[in-house]
N, C-alpha and C. Protein backbone atom coordinates (compact mmCIF):
# COMPACT_ATOMS: atom_id res chain seq x y z
N MET A 1 -3.12 -4.65 -17.27
CA MET A 1 -1.91 -3.88 -17.07
C MET A 1 -2.08 -2.97 -15.84
N GLU A 2 -1.02 -2.83 -15.10
CA GLU A 2 -1.04 -1.96 -13.92
C GLU A 2 -1.14 -0.50 -14.34
N ASN A 3 -1.69 0.31 -13.45
CA ASN A 3 -1.82 1.74 -13.69
C ASN A 3 -0.79 2.46 -12.82
N PHE A 4 0.43 2.60 -13.32
CA PHE A 4 1.51 3.22 -12.56
C PHE A 4 1.54 4.73 -12.80
N ALA A 5 2.11 5.45 -11.84
CA ALA A 5 2.29 6.89 -11.96
C ALA A 5 3.62 7.25 -11.30
N ALA A 6 4.06 8.49 -11.49
CA ALA A 6 5.26 8.95 -10.82
C ALA A 6 5.10 8.74 -9.32
N GLY A 7 6.14 8.20 -8.70
CA GLY A 7 6.11 7.92 -7.27
C GLY A 7 5.74 6.49 -6.93
N SER A 8 5.24 5.72 -7.91
CA SER A 8 4.92 4.31 -7.67
C SER A 8 6.21 3.54 -7.38
N VAL A 9 6.14 2.60 -6.45
CA VAL A 9 7.28 1.75 -6.10
C VAL A 9 7.08 0.41 -6.79
N VAL A 10 8.06 0.04 -7.61
CA VAL A 10 7.93 -1.12 -8.50
C VAL A 10 9.18 -1.99 -8.48
N GLN A 11 9.04 -3.14 -9.12
CA GLN A 11 10.16 -4.03 -9.40
C GLN A 11 9.97 -4.57 -10.81
N LEU A 12 11.05 -5.03 -11.42
CA LEU A 12 10.91 -5.75 -12.68
C LEU A 12 10.21 -7.07 -12.42
N LYS A 13 9.39 -7.51 -13.34
CA LYS A 13 8.72 -8.81 -13.19
C LYS A 13 9.73 -9.93 -13.07
N SER A 14 10.92 -9.76 -13.64
CA SER A 14 11.97 -10.77 -13.58
C SER A 14 12.78 -10.71 -12.28
N GLY A 15 12.48 -9.72 -11.42
CA GLY A 15 13.19 -9.57 -10.15
C GLY A 15 14.08 -8.33 -10.17
N GLY A 16 14.83 -8.15 -9.10
CA GLY A 16 15.74 -7.02 -9.02
C GLY A 16 15.38 -6.09 -7.89
N PRO A 17 16.04 -4.92 -7.85
CA PRO A 17 15.84 -4.00 -6.74
C PRO A 17 14.47 -3.32 -6.77
N THR A 18 14.06 -2.81 -5.63
CA THR A 18 12.87 -1.96 -5.54
C THR A 18 13.22 -0.61 -6.13
N MET A 19 12.36 -0.10 -7.01
CA MET A 19 12.63 1.15 -7.71
C MET A 19 11.43 2.09 -7.58
N THR A 20 11.70 3.38 -7.72
CA THR A 20 10.64 4.39 -7.71
C THR A 20 10.54 5.01 -9.10
N ILE A 21 9.32 5.07 -9.63
CA ILE A 21 9.11 5.69 -10.94
C ILE A 21 9.22 7.21 -10.80
N LYS A 22 10.10 7.80 -11.59
CA LYS A 22 10.28 9.25 -11.60
C LYS A 22 9.30 9.89 -12.59
N PHE A 23 9.17 9.29 -13.80
CA PHE A 23 8.19 9.76 -14.78
C PHE A 23 7.92 8.65 -15.78
N ILE A 24 6.81 8.78 -16.50
CA ILE A 24 6.44 7.83 -17.54
C ILE A 24 6.26 8.61 -18.84
N GLU A 25 6.86 8.09 -19.91
CA GLU A 25 6.79 8.76 -21.21
C GLU A 25 6.72 7.71 -22.31
N GLU A 26 5.69 7.77 -23.13
CA GLU A 26 5.52 6.90 -24.29
C GLU A 26 5.67 5.42 -23.95
N GLY A 27 5.06 4.99 -22.86
CA GLY A 27 5.07 3.58 -22.49
C GLY A 27 6.29 3.10 -21.73
N ASP A 28 7.25 3.99 -21.49
CA ASP A 28 8.44 3.65 -20.71
C ASP A 28 8.43 4.41 -19.39
N ALA A 29 8.82 3.71 -18.34
CA ALA A 29 8.90 4.33 -17.02
C ALA A 29 10.37 4.54 -16.67
N TYR A 30 10.74 5.78 -16.36
CA TYR A 30 12.10 6.05 -15.89
C TYR A 30 12.10 5.81 -14.39
N CYS A 31 12.91 4.85 -13.96
CA CYS A 31 12.95 4.44 -12.56
C CYS A 31 14.30 4.76 -11.93
N GLU A 32 14.29 5.04 -10.63
CA GLU A 32 15.51 5.26 -9.88
C GLU A 32 15.53 4.32 -8.69
N TRP A 33 16.75 3.91 -8.29
CA TRP A 33 16.93 3.02 -7.14
C TRP A 33 18.33 3.26 -6.59
N PHE A 34 18.56 2.78 -5.38
CA PHE A 34 19.86 2.90 -4.74
C PHE A 34 20.67 1.63 -4.95
N SER A 35 21.93 1.80 -5.30
CA SER A 35 22.91 0.72 -5.37
C SER A 35 24.00 1.11 -4.39
N GLY A 36 23.90 0.59 -3.16
CA GLY A 36 24.76 1.09 -2.09
C GLY A 36 24.34 2.51 -1.76
N ASP A 37 25.27 3.46 -1.87
CA ASP A 37 24.92 4.86 -1.61
C ASP A 37 24.80 5.66 -2.91
N LYS A 38 24.83 4.96 -4.04
CA LYS A 38 24.73 5.61 -5.35
C LYS A 38 23.32 5.45 -5.92
N VAL A 39 22.79 6.54 -6.49
CA VAL A 39 21.48 6.49 -7.14
C VAL A 39 21.68 6.06 -8.59
N GLU A 40 20.96 5.03 -9.00
CA GLU A 40 20.99 4.54 -10.37
C GLU A 40 19.66 4.88 -11.03
N GLY A 41 19.62 4.92 -12.34
CA GLY A 41 18.38 5.18 -13.05
C GLY A 41 18.38 4.59 -14.44
N HIS A 42 17.20 4.18 -14.91
CA HIS A 42 17.07 3.59 -16.24
C HIS A 42 15.60 3.58 -16.63
N SER A 43 15.33 3.57 -17.93
CA SER A 43 13.96 3.45 -18.44
C SER A 43 13.64 1.99 -18.72
N PHE A 44 12.43 1.59 -18.36
CA PHE A 44 11.95 0.23 -18.60
C PHE A 44 10.55 0.30 -19.21
N PRO A 45 10.21 -0.64 -20.09
CA PRO A 45 8.83 -0.70 -20.58
C PRO A 45 7.88 -0.94 -19.40
N VAL A 46 6.78 -0.21 -19.36
CA VAL A 46 5.82 -0.34 -18.26
C VAL A 46 5.36 -1.79 -18.12
N GLN A 47 5.24 -2.52 -19.24
CA GLN A 47 4.77 -3.91 -19.19
C GLN A 47 5.74 -4.82 -18.44
N SER A 48 7.00 -4.40 -18.27
CA SER A 48 7.99 -5.24 -17.59
C SER A 48 7.99 -5.03 -16.08
N LEU A 49 7.11 -4.14 -15.57
CA LEU A 49 7.11 -3.79 -14.15
C LEU A 49 5.91 -4.38 -13.41
N LYS A 50 6.10 -4.56 -12.10
CA LYS A 50 5.02 -4.99 -11.20
C LYS A 50 5.13 -4.17 -9.92
N PRO A 51 4.04 -4.04 -9.16
CA PRO A 51 4.13 -3.34 -7.88
C PRO A 51 5.13 -4.05 -6.97
N ALA A 52 5.92 -3.29 -6.23
CA ALA A 52 6.89 -3.89 -5.30
C ALA A 52 6.17 -4.58 -4.16
N GLN A 53 6.72 -5.67 -3.71
CA GLN A 53 6.15 -6.44 -2.60
C GLN A 53 6.65 -5.91 -1.27
């Protein structure tokens, strides 16, 4: 398993936008990303993330 921390740049293993981890809590990473000029955010299980390419 990857060792992510706040500020890590990640993507979902299934694909999608490049996201930045804001914080990690109880195995979930709250990530933020831009959709156009709007900031989006959501929590994802850490196991579903990979380092961004």
